[in-house]
Every structure is written in C-alpha cells, then in structure tokens.
Amino acid sequence: MAAPTHVPVRPDWLALRDEAALDPGMPIVDAHHHLWDRPQGQRYLFDELLSDMAGGHDIRATIFVQSRSMYRPDLPEAFKPVGEVEFANGVAAQAASGLYGRHQACAGIVAHADLRLADRLEPVLGALSRAGGGRLRGIRNQTAWHSDPAIASNPVPPEQGVMRDPAFAAGVRQLAHHGLALDVWAYHTQLDEVAALADACPETMIVLDHCGGPLGAGSYRGRRSEVFAQWSAGMAALARRPNLRVKLGGLAMRVGGFDFHQAPLPPSSEQLAEAWSPYILLCIELFGPQRCMFESNFPVDKGMVGYGVLWNGFKRIVATFSSHERAWLFHRTAMEAYRLDLSITETG
C-alpha cells in the first residue's frame, strides 16, 4: 500500500472552529461517506460518524460508499467485498434500531465489485445484494487515474483506462438489470471517458462523485482558471447525458489544491462558500437541482473541514435558492438516485 493520500484528521485543530448549524430544520441525506479502521489512527466508524452528525444539522440518512473496509479474507478474491457490505449493513441495522436518534446511517450502500468480471459478475452481485439486506444501491470501482504521481486520491493506485475497457462497460450495463447505480470517481481530465461510458450504458444511472474532480494539485497547481475552463466544458458535455447525476462535494481533498489544512484555523463556512461556489453553482446550473446532491465525503474531507461547518458552507452557497430547489439538493435527489424510502415532511 502506498503512503496515505488523505489529509490527516486533527480533532484539536478542527475544534478551533465552531459554528451553529444554519437552517437546522433542513432535512439532509448525506449522499457520500466512508467508514474504515486503518493503520496510523485512520479510524472512522459508526461512533465517529454519529459524533459528526450530532452537530445540529438534520441528517436523516446517509449513503455508505465503497471504502475497501472489512473485506472477507476467507472468500475468493471477487467475493471479498461481501465483507464490507455485511459491515455497512450491520451499521445500518444499528442506526435503524432508533437507539441513536433518527439518523439512518448507511441507509443505502454502494459496494465494490469488479465490473470487468463478465459472466462471473452475476454471482458476485447476488452475494453483495444478499449481504446488503435490501440496502445495496450501487457499485463503485477505482477509476480516478492520472499519470502525474503527485495526483493521487486513493492509497491503492487504480489501473489506467478502466472506464475505456469494453468489459467494464458490459458490467455497467448489467447494473441496470439489478436496479443498481454506478458511482464514478474521475478527475476532470477523464470526463470524456465518463461521457463515453454514459453513452455506452444509457439504461444505467451514473453518479459522478466529487463535482467531477477539478484538479488543483501536482502539475495543476497555480492553474485554477485554466482547469476551471477545461472542467466546465467537460461538465457541460456530461449534463447532456440524461443518465448522469452529480455529487456536490469532495473538494477538500489534496487533489483539489485548496489547502485549507495549512492555515492556523480551520476554514469558516463563509470561506468554503467563497472558494467552492463557482464549482457547485455551475454544476447546479448545468444539471439542475433534480440531478445534484450534496455529500460530505467524510472522513476524507475531514482533514480540512469540520462536518457542521461543511454543511453550513453548502447551505450558504444555495441560500438564495427556493425551498423546493434546496429540498432536491439536500435530500430528494439522493433519495431518488439511491431509492431510499424515507418519511420526510417538507415545509415552505
């Protein structure tokens, strides 16, 4: 395993910034987070998630996304991710008990399955579905690749060209038959590959993670305007594919180059809104609120920002939107994309 690629979480530093939750009555579905227990203190399990969700925002449910956690060493290689789904489903069962409030953690599960398995994929999807207890909603593979070694967002480097592999597209098409979405994490330099994949798999819903990965690290440092132009063109092309959805978030990773973690104090929600508004607002302009959903990407983004401040930042960015539009952005789109059956009463 390569050196850690995520900014280390520093609780003492994060505690230097405390904000009351804005619009605390807004129901939220956190469309993307991870859970893991890794070496060097990289621990983010149900207790840590609960602590973050207790900051005043109305987090109704969350979507757990493939994290390479709790794999089953006793199973054949293709089936090892079944252990992660069993683990996430166990957390979901804890949350559903009601003992921890109304936070339906891991209400939807996005798992890993090698989509290039061809005729061997079907039994793997079946095993994952059974392990998920009715909560399996999608599949994600490692696809965010760049030739620059300074650009890395996964401790285990992905292979080059996965999305261009015809076998991968064939696997993506199989997901539609199971009612599953494909989550894709790709950098802005790969958006043409995402577009081609969406065209090749029109029946499968594809959820693009982390605003489509506008890069600001490595060879892209100091080139933000140039990158924004390239990224926005790629996103405009993707918006023409009706089977695409976009997760708004994930901008506090090293590859984004915002470097909030280098400041003496954690960023305020005003600072986040100022830095991220151009990206998030363009996504919403291109795709519309009904195809966009906010995500925390915790604990990855926790190295740069606290959970409560993050959601305040998102709320500031769309403060002038109608209540109907904000409902889509904060919970409806995620509920629709991941088929969550939640009882949410909306006002306004």
Foldseek 3Di string as FASTA:
>chain_A
DADDQFQDFDVVQQVLDADQFDPQVQEFEFEEAEAADDPPRPGRHLVNVLVQVPRRHRHQEYAYEEDPHQFDPVDPPQQRQLRVLLRLLVSQVVQVVCPSHRYRYNQAYATEGLQLPVVVRVVNVVSSCVSNVNRYAAYEDDAADDPQPFDDDDRDHDDPPSLVDPSNLVSQLVCLVVNHAYEYEYALVCLVSVLVSCVSRVSHQYEYEALRHQFCDDPNPPVNVVSVVSSLVSLLSVLVRVSYAYEHDPCQGVRNPPPLLVDSHADALVVLLVVCLVSVVSNCVRNNLLRYEYHYHPPRSSSRHRSSRPVSNVCVSCVVPDQVSVSSHRPVNSCVSRVRDDDDDDDD
